[in-house]
Amino acid sequence: MAWRPSLEEVEAAARVLATAGNHHRWWKPYKKSYEEMFATDPMAKSEFDGIVEQMLMAAHEARSATT
């Protein structure tokens, strides 16, 4: 079974990505927090968190391959 990050790890990393994306204007700027951005759109939160989860899993796999 493949390693999976915890929900807390995914949400922590998603907050970092959301903050960086807003700062660098990778998407429409928001003045709201990660939680506020997705409070009204659970599908968008699920999709965003899914992308972050895949990133964390890929990073874990890459790290495991080099050790």
N, C-alpha and C. Protein backbone atom coordinates (compact mmCIF):
# COMPACT_ATOMS: atom_id res chain seq x y z
N MET A 1 0.84 -1.19 0.00
CA MET A 1 0.00 0.00 0.00
C MET A 1 0.88 1.25 0.00
N ALA A 2 0.55 2.21 -0.83
CA ALA A 2 1.32 3.44 -0.97
C ALA A 2 1.13 4.33 0.25
N TRP A 3 2.19 5.05 0.58
CA TRP A 3 2.12 6.02 1.68
C TRP A 3 1.17 7.14 1.29
N ARG A 4 0.38 7.60 2.25
CA ARG A 4 -0.53 8.73 2.03
C ARG A 4 -0.34 9.71 3.18
N PRO A 5 -0.31 11.01 2.86
CA PRO A 5 -0.21 12.01 3.92
C PRO A 5 -1.53 12.08 4.69
N SER A 6 -1.43 12.52 5.94
CA SER A 6 -2.63 12.70 6.74
C SER A 6 -3.40 13.92 6.25
N LEU A 7 -4.65 14.01 6.63
CA LEU A 7 -5.46 15.18 6.28
C LEU A 7 -4.82 16.45 6.80
N GLU A 8 -4.25 16.39 8.00
CA GLU A 8 -3.60 17.57 8.58
C GLU A 8 -2.40 17.99 7.75
N GLU A 9 -1.62 17.02 7.26
CA GLU A 9 -0.47 17.34 6.41
C GLU A 9 -0.91 17.95 5.09
N VAL A 10 -1.95 17.38 4.49
CA VAL A 10 -2.46 17.91 3.23
C VAL A 10 -2.95 19.34 3.42
N GLU A 11 -3.74 19.58 4.45
CA GLU A 11 -4.29 20.92 4.66
C GLU A 11 -3.19 21.92 5.00
N ALA A 12 -2.18 21.51 5.75
CA ALA A 12 -1.07 22.42 6.06
C ALA A 12 -0.32 22.80 4.78
N ALA A 13 -0.04 21.81 3.94
CA ALA A 13 0.65 22.09 2.68
C ALA A 13 -0.24 22.91 1.74
N ALA A 14 -1.54 22.64 1.74
CA ALA A 14 -2.47 23.40 0.89
C ALA A 14 -2.51 24.87 1.31
N ARG A 15 -2.44 25.12 2.62
CA ARG A 15 -2.41 26.52 3.09
C ARG A 15 -1.17 27.23 2.56
N VAL A 16 -0.03 26.54 2.59
CA VAL A 16 1.22 27.12 2.09
C VAL A 16 1.09 27.41 0.60
N LEU A 17 0.57 26.46 -0.17
CA LEU A 17 0.41 26.66 -1.61
C LEU A 17 -0.57 27.78 -1.91
N ALA A 18 -1.69 27.83 -1.19
CA ALA A 18 -2.69 28.88 -1.40
C ALA A 18 -2.09 30.26 -1.10
N THR A 19 -1.34 30.35 -0.02
CA THR A 19 -0.71 31.62 0.35
C THR A 19 0.32 32.04 -0.70
N ALA A 20 1.15 31.09 -1.14
CA ALA A 20 2.15 31.40 -2.17
C ALA A 20 1.48 31.78 -3.48
N GLY A 21 0.44 31.06 -3.85
CA GLY A 21 -0.27 31.36 -5.08
C GLY A 21 -0.88 32.75 -5.06
N ASN A 22 -1.44 33.13 -3.93
CA ASN A 22 -1.99 34.48 -3.81
C ASN A 22 -0.89 35.53 -3.87
N HIS A 23 0.21 35.27 -3.17
CA HIS A 23 1.31 36.23 -3.14
C HIS A 23 1.91 36.45 -4.53
N HIS A 24 2.07 35.37 -5.27
CA HIS A 24 2.69 35.45 -6.60
C HIS A 24 1.67 35.67 -7.71
N ARG A 25 0.41 35.80 -7.33
CA ARG A 25 -0.67 36.06 -8.27
C ARG A 25 -0.77 34.99 -9.37
N TRP A 26 -0.65 33.72 -8.92
CA TRP A 26 -0.78 32.60 -9.85
C TRP A 26 -2.22 32.42 -10.27
N TRP A 27 -3.13 32.95 -9.49
CA TRP A 27 -4.55 32.89 -9.79
C TRP A 27 -5.20 34.13 -9.23
N LYS A 28 -6.49 34.27 -9.43
CA LYS A 28 -7.22 35.44 -8.96
C LYS A 28 -6.89 35.71 -7.49
N PRO A 29 -6.42 36.91 -7.17
CA PRO A 29 -6.03 37.20 -5.79
C PRO A 29 -7.21 37.14 -4.82
N TYR A 30 -6.95 36.58 -3.65
CA TYR A 30 -7.92 36.52 -2.57
C TYR A 30 -7.34 37.17 -1.35
N LYS A 31 -8.17 37.82 -0.59
CA LYS A 31 -7.72 38.39 0.68
C LYS A 31 -8.15 37.50 1.84
N LYS A 32 -8.74 36.36 1.51
CA LYS A 32 -9.24 35.44 2.53
C LYS A 32 -8.23 34.33 2.79
N SER A 33 -8.38 33.69 3.93
CA SER A 33 -7.52 32.56 4.27
C SER A 33 -7.93 31.34 3.46
N TYR A 34 -7.11 30.32 3.53
CA TYR A 34 -7.40 29.05 2.87
C TYR A 34 -8.78 28.55 3.28
N GLU A 35 -9.08 28.58 4.57
CA GLU A 35 -10.37 28.10 5.06
C GLU A 35 -11.52 28.94 4.51
N GLU A 36 -11.34 30.26 4.50
CA GLU A 36 -12.39 31.15 4.00
C GLU A 36 -12.60 30.98 2.50
N MET A 37 -11.51 30.80 1.76
CA MET A 37 -11.62 30.64 0.31
C MET A 37 -12.51 29.47 -0.05
N PHE A 38 -12.36 28.38 0.67
CA PHE A 38 -13.04 27.15 0.30
C PHE A 38 -14.27 26.84 1.14
N ALA A 39 -14.63 27.71 2.08
CA ALA A 39 -15.79 27.46 2.93
C ALA A 39 -17.08 27.35 2.12
N THR A 40 -17.15 28.09 1.03
CA THR A 40 -18.37 28.09 0.23
C THR A 40 -18.29 27.18 -0.98
N ASP A 41 -17.15 26.53 -1.18
CA ASP A 41 -16.99 25.67 -2.35
C ASP A 41 -16.24 24.40 -1.95
N PRO A 42 -16.93 23.45 -1.31
CA PRO A 42 -16.25 22.23 -0.86
C PRO A 42 -15.65 21.40 -2.00
N MET A 43 -16.23 21.47 -3.19
CA MET A 43 -15.69 20.73 -4.32
C MET A 43 -14.32 21.30 -4.72
N ALA A 44 -14.22 22.62 -4.76
CA ALA A 44 -12.93 23.24 -5.09
C ALA A 44 -11.88 22.89 -4.03
N LYS A 45 -12.27 22.88 -2.76
CA LYS A 45 -11.34 22.52 -1.69
C LYS A 45 -10.88 21.08 -1.87
N SER A 46 -11.81 20.19 -2.16
CA SER A 46 -11.46 18.79 -2.36
C SER A 46 -10.49 18.61 -3.52
N GLU A 47 -10.73 19.32 -4.62
CA GLU A 47 -9.84 19.23 -5.78
C GLU A 47 -8.47 19.82 -5.47
N PHE A 48 -8.44 20.96 -4.79
CA PHE A 48 -7.18 21.61 -4.43
C PHE A 48 -6.38 20.70 -3.49
N ASP A 49 -7.07 20.18 -2.45
CA ASP A 49 -6.40 19.29 -1.51
C ASP A 49 -5.92 18.02 -2.21
N GLY A 50 -6.67 17.52 -3.20
CA GLY A 50 -6.26 16.34 -3.94
C GLY A 50 -4.97 16.56 -4.71
N ILE A 51 -4.84 17.74 -5.30
CA ILE A 51 -3.60 18.08 -6.01
C ILE A 51 -2.44 18.14 -5.03
N VAL A 52 -2.67 18.77 -3.89
CA VAL A 52 -1.62 18.88 -2.87
C VAL A 52 -1.24 17.49 -2.36
N GLU A 53 -2.23 16.63 -2.14
CA GLU A 53 -1.95 15.27 -1.69
C GLU A 53 -1.07 14.54 -2.70
N GLN A 54 -1.38 14.68 -3.98
CA GLN A 54 -0.56 14.04 -5.01
C GLN A 54 0.86 14.58 -5.01
N MET A 55 1.01 15.87 -4.77
CA MET A 55 2.35 16.47 -4.69
C MET A 55 3.13 15.88 -3.52
N LEU A 56 2.48 15.76 -2.36
CA LEU A 56 3.15 15.21 -1.18
C LEU A 56 3.51 13.74 -1.39
N MET A 57 2.64 12.99 -2.04
CA MET A 57 2.92 11.58 -2.31
C MET A 57 4.09 11.44 -3.29
N ALA A 58 4.14 12.31 -4.30
CA ALA A 58 5.25 12.27 -5.26
C ALA A 58 6.57 12.64 -4.57
N ALA A 59 6.52 13.62 -3.69
CA ALA A 59 7.73 14.01 -2.96
C ALA A 59 8.20 12.87 -2.06
N HIS A 60 7.27 12.20 -1.40
CA HIS A 60 7.62 11.07 -0.54
C HIS A 60 8.24 9.94 -1.36
N GLU A 61 7.64 9.67 -2.53
CA GLU A 61 8.16 8.61 -3.39
C GLU A 61 9.57 8.96 -3.89
N ALA A 62 9.77 10.20 -4.26
CA ALA A 62 11.10 10.63 -4.73
C ALA A 62 12.13 10.53 -3.61
N ARG A 63 11.73 10.92 -2.41
CA ARG A 63 12.64 10.85 -1.26
C ARG A 63 12.98 9.39 -0.96
N SER A 64 11.98 8.52 -1.03
CA SER A 64 12.20 7.09 -0.74
C SER A 64 13.11 6.44 -1.79
N ALA A 65 13.04 6.91 -3.02
CA ALA A 65 13.84 6.34 -4.11
C ALA A 65 15.32 6.69 -3.95
N THR A 66 15.62 7.76 -3.24
CA THR A 66 17.01 8.19 -3.10
C THR A 66 17.65 7.72 -1.81
N THR A 67 16.88 7.05 -0.96
CA THR A 67 17.45 6.58 0.31
C THR A 67 17.63 5.10 0.33
